[in-house]
């Protein structure tokens, strides 16, 4: 287990490590506050925040500015925590666009100082709850990833669990009741000062355009500790489904339940609806549904992919349209025709974006990867056409003047070529 917790090895005492190694479950942990304000813990927390960068909070102190006096600032944080004087600052709320939509969703940005404390706090308490979490939870857990969750879904579909309950909580992160969440944390954490700090982070309130208001529910998306708290809150649902023999795959609040027949799926949906109502949550009535994946054309979306039943009877993994829109939104600003960058500089900027996208979506349909390649090269040809003054070129002339090999020579990452190389490696027995 402790291979997952390289940083946390220096946070926990030897006795605590031995207790975790024995797999102690259901117990309470005392005297955690000194682990939180230990120099090594705060230093590790700061390293995590610094590596992730991000925007400043309500105090307008950026990561780079914090870094200029990091030692002094961390010492002040340590003293405030040790003397029980630490007070989190309000969350700065910003609104970011939803991919392919005019709608926006809220994002909460804590101050850099608060992010350091949250990262440190997470290192202290996460190992405790890792021993309590159910195996079907994959999101924001050490040693687990989206790919693990997707592989589990693939395996269940292939084994015949083709009735899928697509679960969507309405405003999940904004709806978690503070009192019930804190009660679940208290089941395993008995240090009053640590509990008080978590409560302070939850109830610190939100600042938007100079106005501050308090909150009684919700854990802000953007908070370092929010994903862990979300897993803690949903853990009873995980175990309820597991104990009833229901195959559920959860990544944070993204949930699918895979059943062998319609009756089982409807029963599972009813169980989730009942649990949600009893725990202060609401299922989105239009997005929560049972999908029969034995019917051609049926589909459900999960973690950026679309699982789709083809006419030939196969269930294929496609790129979700929303994921395509998000990629286009990322690339469009970089490939405006009047951007002023050389083609070599543009391809250098685009390649890591495309490589990262391929690393996640390499299991998708090849046609979609070709579509992305063609669209990106089309954007670049538009820039070249404008710069050359050759307007009105036909598609064929466009491609003839700047063929695909032109962009390959510049080092532009090609998804189709990467896909073919991946297949060749697999055929030759290489691991990926």
Protein backbone atom coordinates (compact mmCIF):
# COMPACT_ATOMS: atom_id res chain seq x y z
CA UNK A 1 0.00 0.00 0.00
CA UNK A 2 2.66 2.51 0.96
CA UNK A 3 4.11 2.54 -2.55
CA UNK A 4 1.16 4.87 -3.23
CA UNK A 5 2.18 7.27 -0.46
CA UNK A 6 5.77 8.25 -1.20
CA UNK A 7 5.38 11.76 0.22
CA UNK A 8 3.24 10.71 3.16
CA UNK A 9 5.88 8.32 4.50
CA UNK A 10 7.55 11.30 6.12
CA UNK A 11 4.28 12.56 7.61
CA UNK A 12 3.17 9.54 9.63
CA UNK A 13 4.92 8.04 12.65
CA UNK A 14 6.24 4.48 12.55
CA UNK A 15 3.48 3.30 14.87
CA UNK A 16 0.80 4.75 12.62
CA UNK A 17 2.40 3.16 9.58
CA UNK A 18 2.39 -0.21 11.31
CA UNK A 19 -1.27 0.20 12.25
CA UNK A 20 -2.17 0.97 8.66
CA UNK A 21 -0.08 -1.94 7.42
CA UNK A 22 -2.11 -4.25 9.65
CA UNK A 23 -5.22 -3.00 7.87
CA UNK A 24 -6.91 -1.53 10.91
CA UNK A 25 -10.45 -0.58 9.96
CA UNK A 26 -13.23 1.21 11.74
CA UNK A 27 -11.03 2.79 14.41
CA UNK A 28 -10.62 6.43 15.34
CA UNK A 29 -7.39 8.38 15.05
CA UNK A 30 -6.33 10.90 17.71
CA UNK A 31 -3.52 13.47 17.92
CA UNK A 32 -3.23 14.32 14.25
CA UNK A 33 -2.76 18.09 14.50
CA UNK A 34 0.97 17.80 15.25
CA UNK A 35 1.39 15.76 12.07
CA UNK A 36 -0.30 18.57 10.17
CA UNK A 37 1.91 21.44 11.32
CA UNK A 38 5.15 19.42 11.20
CA UNK A 39 7.79 21.12 9.05
CA UNK A 40 8.03 18.21 6.64
CA UNK A 41 4.26 18.01 6.14
CA UNK A 42 3.91 21.70 5.32
CA UNK A 43 6.96 21.57 3.05
CA UNK A 44 5.45 18.66 1.13
CA UNK A 45 2.11 20.44 0.96
CA UNK A 46 3.80 23.53 -0.45
CA UNK A 47 5.63 21.44 -3.06
CA UNK A 48 2.32 19.96 -4.23
CA UNK A 49 0.71 23.41 -4.51
CA UNK A 50 3.74 24.88 -6.28
CA UNK A 51 3.84 22.07 -8.85
CA UNK A 52 0.14 22.58 -9.67
CA UNK A 53 0.47 26.39 -9.87
CA UNK A 54 -3.05 27.84 -10.38
CA UNK A 55 -4.59 31.25 -9.80
CA UNK A 56 -4.45 33.44 -6.72
CA UNK A 57 -7.23 33.61 -4.15
CA UNK A 58 -8.94 36.57 -2.51
CA UNK A 59 -5.63 37.88 -1.09
CA UNK A 60 -4.16 38.22 -4.62
CA UNK A 61 -0.99 36.36 -3.58
CA UNK A 62 0.13 34.20 -6.50
CA UNK A 63 2.16 31.00 -6.23
CA UNK A 64 5.27 32.81 -7.49
CA UNK A 65 4.82 35.59 -4.94
CA UNK A 66 4.29 33.05 -2.14
CA UNK A 67 7.49 31.31 -3.27
CA UNK A 68 9.53 34.49 -2.77
CA UNK A 69 9.01 34.24 1.00
CA UNK A 70 7.96 30.60 1.27
CA UNK A 71 10.06 29.82 4.34
CA UNK A 72 8.70 32.79 6.30
CA UNK A 73 5.12 32.15 5.19
CA UNK A 74 5.26 28.44 6.07
CA UNK A 75 6.68 29.27 9.49
CA UNK A 76 3.75 31.62 10.10
CA UNK A 77 1.30 28.93 9.00
CA UNK A 78 2.97 26.44 11.36
CA UNK A 79 2.68 28.80 14.33
CA UNK A 80 -0.94 29.64 13.61
CA UNK A 81 -1.84 25.95 13.36
CA UNK A 82 0.13 25.03 16.49
CA UNK A 83 -1.50 27.81 18.51
CA UNK A 84 -5.00 27.13 17.10
CA UNK A 85 -5.10 30.58 15.51
CA UNK A 86 -5.28 29.58 11.87
CA UNK A 87 -8.22 31.13 10.01
CA UNK A 88 -8.93 30.21 6.38
CA UNK A 89 -9.90 33.02 4.02
CA UNK A 90 -13.04 33.05 1.86
CA UNK A 91 -13.07 31.15 -1.41
CA UNK A 92 -12.81 33.28 -4.54
CA UNK A 93 -15.54 32.26 -6.96
CA UNK A 94 -14.92 32.46 -10.68
CA UNK A 95 -17.07 31.23 -13.53
CA UNK A 96 -15.59 29.14 -16.33
CA UNK A 97 -17.36 28.19 -19.57
CA UNK A 98 -18.76 24.71 -20.08
CA UNK A 99 -17.36 23.08 -23.24
CA UNK A 100 -19.54 23.76 -26.29
CA UNK A 101 -22.02 25.82 -24.32
CA UNK A 102 -22.74 29.40 -23.35
CA UNK A 103 -23.36 28.21 -19.81
CA UNK A 104 -20.73 28.57 -17.12
CA UNK A 105 -19.96 26.60 -13.98
CA UNK A 106 -18.57 27.94 -10.70
CA UNK A 107 -15.02 27.22 -9.58
CA UNK A 108 -13.81 27.99 -6.06
CA UNK A 109 -10.22 29.16 -5.65
CA UNK A 110 -8.73 29.11 -2.13
CA UNK A 111 -5.72 31.28 -1.33
CA UNK A 112 -2.29 29.74 -1.89
CA UNK A 113 -1.79 29.60 1.89
CA UNK A 114 -5.06 27.72 2.35
CA UNK A 115 -4.18 25.37 -0.50
CA UNK A 116 -0.92 24.51 1.27
CA UNK A 117 -2.79 23.68 4.49
CA UNK A 118 -5.43 21.67 2.61
CA UNK A 119 -2.76 19.70 0.74
CA UNK A 120 -1.00 18.99 4.04
CA UNK A 121 -4.27 18.05 5.72
CA UNK A 122 -5.09 15.69 2.89
CA UNK A 123 -1.74 13.90 3.33
CA UNK A 124 -2.49 13.41 7.02
CA UNK A 125 -6.04 12.05 6.79
CA UNK A 126 -6.22 10.42 3.36
CA UNK A 127 -4.42 7.19 4.39
CA UNK A 128 -6.97 6.74 7.19
CA UNK A 129 -9.90 6.81 4.79
CA UNK A 130 -8.15 4.78 2.11
CA UNK A 131 -8.61 1.78 4.41
CA UNK A 132 -12.32 2.51 4.57
CA UNK A 133 -13.06 3.18 0.90
CA UNK A 134 -14.83 0.59 -1.25
CA UNK A 135 -12.98 -0.87 -4.26
CA UNK A 136 -15.41 0.49 -6.88
CA UNK A 137 -14.37 4.09 -6.13
CA UNK A 138 -11.64 5.29 -8.52
CA UNK A 139 -11.64 9.09 -8.46
CA UNK A 140 -8.80 11.07 -6.87
CA UNK A 141 -7.36 8.08 -5.07
CA UNK A 142 -3.67 7.12 -4.97
CA UNK A 143 -2.79 4.33 -7.37
CA UNK A 144 -6.10 4.62 -9.25
CA UNK A 145 -7.07 6.48 -12.39
CA UNK A 146 -9.75 7.16 -14.98
CA UNK A 147 -8.26 4.40 -17.12
CA UNK A 148 -8.78 1.86 -14.32
CA UNK A 149 -12.44 2.86 -14.07
CA UNK A 150 -12.89 2.67 -17.85
CA UNK A 151 -11.28 -0.78 -17.99
CA UNK A 152 -13.67 -1.95 -15.28
CA UNK A 153 -16.65 -0.69 -17.30
CA UNK A 154 -15.30 -2.41 -20.44
CA UNK A 155 -14.94 -5.68 -18.57
CA UNK A 156 -18.43 -5.58 -17.09
CA UNK A 157 -20.02 -4.82 -20.47
CA UNK A 158 -18.16 -7.73 -22.07
CA UNK A 159 -19.28 -10.04 -19.26
CA UNK A 160 -22.94 -9.33 -20.05
CA UNK A 161 -23.82 -6.48 -17.68
CA UNK A 162 -25.45 -4.50 -20.47
CA UNK A 163 -28.21 -2.66 -18.59
CA UNK A 164 -26.55 0.53 -17.42
CA UNK A 165 -27.81 2.99 -14.83
CA UNK A 166 -26.30 6.36 -15.74
CA UNK A 167 -26.37 8.32 -12.47
CA UNK A 168 -26.13 12.12 -12.42
CA UNK A 169 -26.31 14.07 -9.15
CA UNK A 170 -27.69 17.57 -9.53
CA UNK A 171 -25.08 20.08 -8.30
CA UNK A 172 -23.30 17.43 -6.24
CA UNK A 173 -20.34 19.41 -4.88
CA UNK A 174 -22.56 22.37 -4.02
CA UNK A 175 -25.16 20.21 -2.25
CA UNK A 176 -23.23 18.11 0.27
CA UNK A 177 -24.67 18.91 3.74
CA UNK A 178 -21.88 20.06 6.05
CA UNK A 179 -23.27 18.44 9.19
CA UNK A 180 -23.57 14.99 7.62
CA UNK A 181 -20.17 15.24 5.95
CA UNK A 182 -18.49 16.22 9.21
CA UNK A 183 -20.25 13.35 10.98
CA UNK A 184 -18.68 10.93 8.48
CA UNK A 185 -15.25 12.41 9.01
CA UNK A 186 -15.75 12.12 12.79
CA UNK A 187 -16.32 8.38 12.44
CA UNK A 188 -12.55 7.97 11.97
CA UNK A 189 -10.95 11.26 13.04
CA UNK A 190 -11.17 12.13 16.73
CA UNK A 191 -8.76 15.08 16.82
CA UNK A 192 -11.00 18.05 17.61
CA UNK A 193 -8.62 20.61 16.16
CA UNK A 194 -8.36 18.79 12.85
CA UNK A 195 -12.14 18.45 12.74
CA UNK A 196 -12.49 22.14 13.54
CA UNK A 197 -10.12 23.04 10.72
CA UNK A 198 -12.11 20.97 8.21
CA UNK A 199 -15.28 22.67 9.43
CA UNK A 200 -13.65 26.08 9.00
CA UNK A 201 -12.68 25.25 5.42
CA UNK A 202 -16.25 24.18 4.66
CA UNK A 203 -17.92 27.20 6.25
CA UNK A 204 -15.42 29.92 5.33
CA UNK A 205 -17.80 31.27 2.72
CA UNK A 206 -17.49 32.62 -0.80
CA UNK A 207 -16.23 35.93 -2.12
CA UNK A 208 -17.43 37.14 -5.52
CA UNK A 209 -17.06 40.66 -6.90
CA UNK A 210 -16.38 42.06 -3.45
CA UNK A 211 -19.39 40.40 -1.81
CA UNK A 212 -19.03 37.70 0.85
CA UNK A 213 -21.66 35.20 1.88
CA UNK A 214 -21.67 32.16 4.13
CA UNK A 215 -22.63 28.64 3.10
CA UNK A 216 -24.24 25.76 4.97
CA UNK A 217 -23.69 23.07 2.36
CA UNK A 218 -21.28 22.16 -0.39
CA UNK A 219 -17.54 21.74 -0.79
CA UNK A 220 -16.15 24.03 -3.50
CA UNK A 221 -14.81 22.56 -6.72
CA UNK A 222 -11.23 23.75 -6.82
CA UNK A 223 -10.48 23.08 -3.17
CA UNK A 224 -7.53 20.71 -2.70
CA UNK A 225 -9.37 18.65 -0.10
CA UNK A 226 -12.78 18.67 -1.84
CA UNK A 227 -12.31 15.42 -3.83
CA UNK A 228 -11.35 13.52 -0.68
CA UNK A 229 -14.35 14.89 1.21
CA UNK A 230 -16.60 13.90 -1.71
CA UNK A 231 -15.27 10.34 -1.56
CA UNK A 232 -15.84 10.25 2.19
CA UNK A 233 -19.44 11.38 1.72
CA UNK A 234 -20.25 8.85 -1.02
CA UNK A 235 -18.44 5.92 0.60
CA UNK A 236 -21.59 4.59 2.35
CA UNK A 237 -23.32 4.43 -1.04
CA UNK A 238 -20.35 2.52 -2.46
CA UNK A 239 -20.53 -0.07 0.30
CA UNK A 240 -24.32 -0.34 0.12
CA UNK A 241 -24.13 -1.21 -3.58
CA UNK A 242 -21.22 -3.60 -3.06
CA UNK A 243 -22.91 -5.42 -0.17
CA UNK A 244 -25.98 -5.93 -2.36
CA UNK A 245 -23.87 -7.40 -5.15
CA UNK A 246 -24.40 -4.44 -7.47
CA UNK A 247 -21.59 -3.62 -9.93
CA UNK A 248 -21.06 0.11 -9.59
CA UNK A 249 -18.12 2.13 -10.96
CA UNK A 250 -17.64 5.59 -9.47
CA UNK A 251 -15.18 8.35 -10.26
CA UNK A 252 -15.95 11.22 -7.86
CA UNK A 253 -19.62 12.01 -8.64
CA UNK A 254 -19.53 10.34 -12.07
CA UNK A 255 -21.31 7.00 -11.59
CA UNK A 256 -22.47 4.10 -13.72
CA UNK A 257 -24.09 0.89 -12.46
CA UNK A 258 -23.94 -2.14 -14.74
CA UNK A 259 -26.57 -4.87 -14.37
CA UNK A 260 -27.36 -8.15 -16.17
CA UNK A 261 -31.07 -7.37 -16.67
CA UNK A 262 -33.60 -4.55 -16.68
CA UNK A 263 -35.19 -5.49 -13.37
CA UNK A 264 -31.84 -5.35 -11.56
CA UNK A 265 -31.07 -1.98 -13.16
CA UNK A 266 -34.41 -0.50 -12.10
CA UNK A 267 -33.91 -1.83 -8.57
CA UNK A 268 -30.42 -0.28 -8.42
CA UNK A 269 -31.76 3.05 -9.66
CA UNK A 270 -34.44 2.99 -6.97
CA UNK A 271 -31.83 2.25 -4.31
CA UNK A 272 -29.66 5.18 -5.42
CA UNK A 273 -32.66 7.52 -5.53
CA UNK A 274 -33.62 6.49 -2.00
CA UNK A 275 -30.06 6.90 -0.70
CA UNK A 276 -29.71 10.32 -2.34
CA UNK A 277 -32.95 11.56 -0.81
CA UNK A 278 -31.91 10.37 2.65
CA UNK A 279 -28.54 12.10 2.33
CA UNK A 280 -29.52 15.54 1.08
CA UNK A 281 -28.73 14.95 -2.59
CA UNK A 282 -30.87 15.02 -5.73
CA UNK A 283 -30.58 13.03 -8.94
CA UNK A 284 -30.86 15.01 -12.16
CA UNK A 285 -34.22 13.81 -13.58
CA UNK A 286 -33.28 14.32 -17.23
CA UNK A 287 -29.75 12.93 -17.10
CA UNK A 288 -30.26 9.93 -14.80
CA UNK A 289 -31.55 6.98 -16.83
CA UNK A 290 -31.38 3.26 -17.51
CA UNK A 291 -29.72 2.39 -20.84
CA UNK A 292 -30.27 -0.94 -22.58
CA UNK A 293 -26.94 -1.55 -24.31
CA UNK A 294 -28.32 -4.56 -26.20
CA UNK A 295 -30.14 -2.15 -28.55
CA UNK A 296 -28.31 -0.77 -31.58
CA UNK A 297 -27.62 2.96 -31.25
CA UNK A 298 -27.84 3.00 -27.45
CA UNK A 299 -25.11 4.84 -25.59
CA UNK A 300 -23.99 6.31 -22.31
CA UNK A 301 -21.18 8.74 -21.48
CA UNK A 302 -18.54 8.14 -18.85
CA UNK A 303 -15.27 9.96 -18.14
CA UNK A 304 -15.01 11.67 -21.50
CA UNK A 305 -15.89 8.59 -23.56
CA UNK A 306 -19.13 7.55 -25.21
CA UNK A 307 -19.91 3.81 -25.01
CA UNK A 308 -22.00 3.15 -28.12
CA UNK A 309 -23.75 0.02 -29.43
CA UNK A 310 -23.04 -0.38 -33.15
CA UNK A 311 -25.30 -1.98 -35.75
CA UNK A 312 -22.86 -4.89 -35.91
CA UNK A 313 -23.53 -5.59 -32.25
CA UNK A 314 -20.24 -4.32 -30.83
CA UNK A 315 -19.98 -1.82 -28.00
CA UNK A 316 -17.44 0.75 -29.11
CA UNK A 317 -15.66 3.48 -27.22
CA UNK A 318 -16.06 6.82 -28.98
CA UNK A 319 -14.89 10.27 -27.96
CA UNK A 320 -17.75 12.05 -26.26
CA UNK A 321 -18.89 15.12 -28.27
CA UNK A 322 -18.33 17.28 -25.19
CA UNK A 323 -14.71 16.12 -25.08
CA UNK A 324 -14.26 17.07 -28.73
CA UNK A 325 -15.68 20.53 -28.08
CA UNK A 326 -13.34 21.00 -25.15
CA UNK A 327 -10.32 20.12 -27.30
CA UNK A 328 -11.42 22.53 -30.02
CA UNK A 329 -11.91 25.29 -27.44
CA UNK A 330 -8.33 24.72 -26.28
CA UNK A 331 -6.81 24.75 -29.77
CA UNK A 332 -8.80 27.54 -31.44
CA UNK A 333 -7.19 30.45 -29.55
CA UNK A 334 -3.74 29.11 -30.45
CA UNK A 335 -4.53 28.81 -34.16
CA UNK A 336 -6.17 32.11 -34.98
CA UNK A 337 -5.03 33.30 -38.40
CA UNK A 338 -3.52 36.50 -37.04
CA UNK A 339 -1.57 34.96 -34.17
CA UNK A 340 1.94 36.18 -35.08
CA UNK A 341 3.74 32.92 -34.23
CA UNK A 342 5.89 30.95 -36.63
CA UNK A 343 4.56 27.59 -37.79
CA UNK A 344 7.37 25.86 -35.89
CA UNK A 345 6.37 27.67 -32.69
CA UNK A 346 2.71 26.77 -33.20
CA UNK A 347 3.41 23.07 -33.72
CA UNK A 348 5.60 23.13 -30.62
CA UNK A 349 2.65 24.48 -28.60
CA UNK A 350 0.12 22.10 -30.13
CA UNK A 351 2.13 18.89 -29.83
CA UNK A 352 1.94 18.46 -26.01
CA UNK A 353 -1.80 19.21 -26.11
CA UNK A 354 -2.40 16.60 -28.81
CA UNK A 355 -0.08 14.06 -27.20
CA UNK A 356 -1.85 14.38 -23.85
CA UNK A 357 -5.24 14.08 -25.56
CA UNK A 358 -4.10 10.95 -27.38
CA UNK A 359 -2.73 9.39 -24.21
CA UNK A 360 -6.22 9.55 -22.74
CA UNK A 361 -8.34 8.87 -25.84
CA UNK A 362 -6.11 6.34 -27.62
CA UNK A 363 -8.76 3.66 -27.07
CA UNK A 364 -11.24 5.70 -29.12
CA UNK A 365 -12.41 5.02 -32.65
CA UNK A 366 -9.67 5.68 -35.26
CA UNK A 367 -12.03 7.77 -37.39
CA UNK A 368 -12.34 10.31 -34.60
CA UNK A 369 -8.56 10.56 -34.25
CA UNK A 370 -8.29 11.19 -37.99
CA UNK A 371 -10.95 13.86 -37.69
CA UNK A 372 -8.91 15.70 -35.06
CA UNK A 373 -5.73 15.44 -37.16
CA UNK A 374 -7.52 16.83 -40.20
CA UNK A 375 -9.14 19.65 -38.27
CA UNK A 376 -5.84 20.77 -36.69
CA UNK A 377 -4.00 20.70 -40.00
CA UNK A 378 -6.91 22.60 -41.56
CA UNK A 379 -6.50 25.35 -38.96
CA UNK A 380 -2.78 25.55 -39.70
CA UNK A 381 -3.35 25.60 -43.47
CA UNK A 382 -5.71 28.53 -42.95
CA UNK A 383 -2.90 30.45 -41.24
CA UNK A 384 -0.44 29.61 -44.03
CA UNK A 385 -2.93 30.57 -46.72
CA UNK A 386 -3.52 33.97 -45.13
CA UNK A 387 0.20 34.63 -44.74
CA UNK A 388 0.99 33.61 -48.31
CA UNK A 389 -1.75 35.83 -49.75
CA UNK A 390 -3.11 32.90 -51.76
CA UNK A 391 -6.82 33.18 -51.13
CA UNK A 392 -9.44 31.03 -52.76
CA UNK A 393 -7.28 27.92 -53.00
CA UNK A 394 -9.27 24.74 -53.49
CA UNK A 395 -9.03 21.99 -50.90
CA UNK A 396 -6.90 19.91 -53.23
CA UNK A 397 -4.51 22.77 -53.97
CA UNK A 398 -4.35 23.57 -50.28
CA UNK A 399 -3.29 20.03 -49.45
CA UNK A 400 -0.89 19.87 -52.37
CA UNK A 401 0.91 23.05 -51.34
CA UNK A 402 1.11 22.05 -47.66
CA UNK A 403 0.77 18.25 -47.49
CA UNK A 404 0.58 16.28 -44.27
CA UNK A 405 4.30 15.56 -44.56
CA UNK A 406 4.97 19.31 -44.27
CA UNK A 407 3.49 19.37 -40.77
CA UNK A 408 5.13 16.06 -39.85
CA UNK A 409 8.51 17.57 -40.74
CA UNK A 410 7.76 20.43 -38.34
CA UNK A 411 7.17 17.88 -35.57
CA UNK A 412 3.38 18.20 -35.28
CA UNK A 413 1.99 15.29 -33.28
CA UNK A 414 -0.25 13.05 -35.40
CA UNK A 415 -2.92 11.08 -33.54
CA UNK A 416 -3.41 8.55 -36.33
CA UNK A 417 0.31 7.77 -36.53
CA UNK A 418 0.52 7.44 -32.76
CA UNK A 419 -2.47 5.08 -32.85
CA UNK A 420 -0.81 2.90 -35.49
CA UNK A 421 2.45 2.85 -33.55
CA UNK A 422 0.51 1.77 -30.47
CA UNK A 423 -1.08 -1.12 -32.37
CA UNK A 424 2.30 -2.20 -33.74
CA UNK A 425 3.76 -2.22 -30.23
CA UNK A 426 0.88 -4.35 -28.96
CA UNK A 427 1.25 -6.82 -31.83
CA UNK A 428 4.95 -7.11 -31.04
CA UNK A 429 4.16 -7.84 -27.41
CA UNK A 430 5.29 -4.51 -25.95
CA UNK A 431 3.57 -3.13 -22.87
CA UNK A 432 1.90 0.26 -22.77
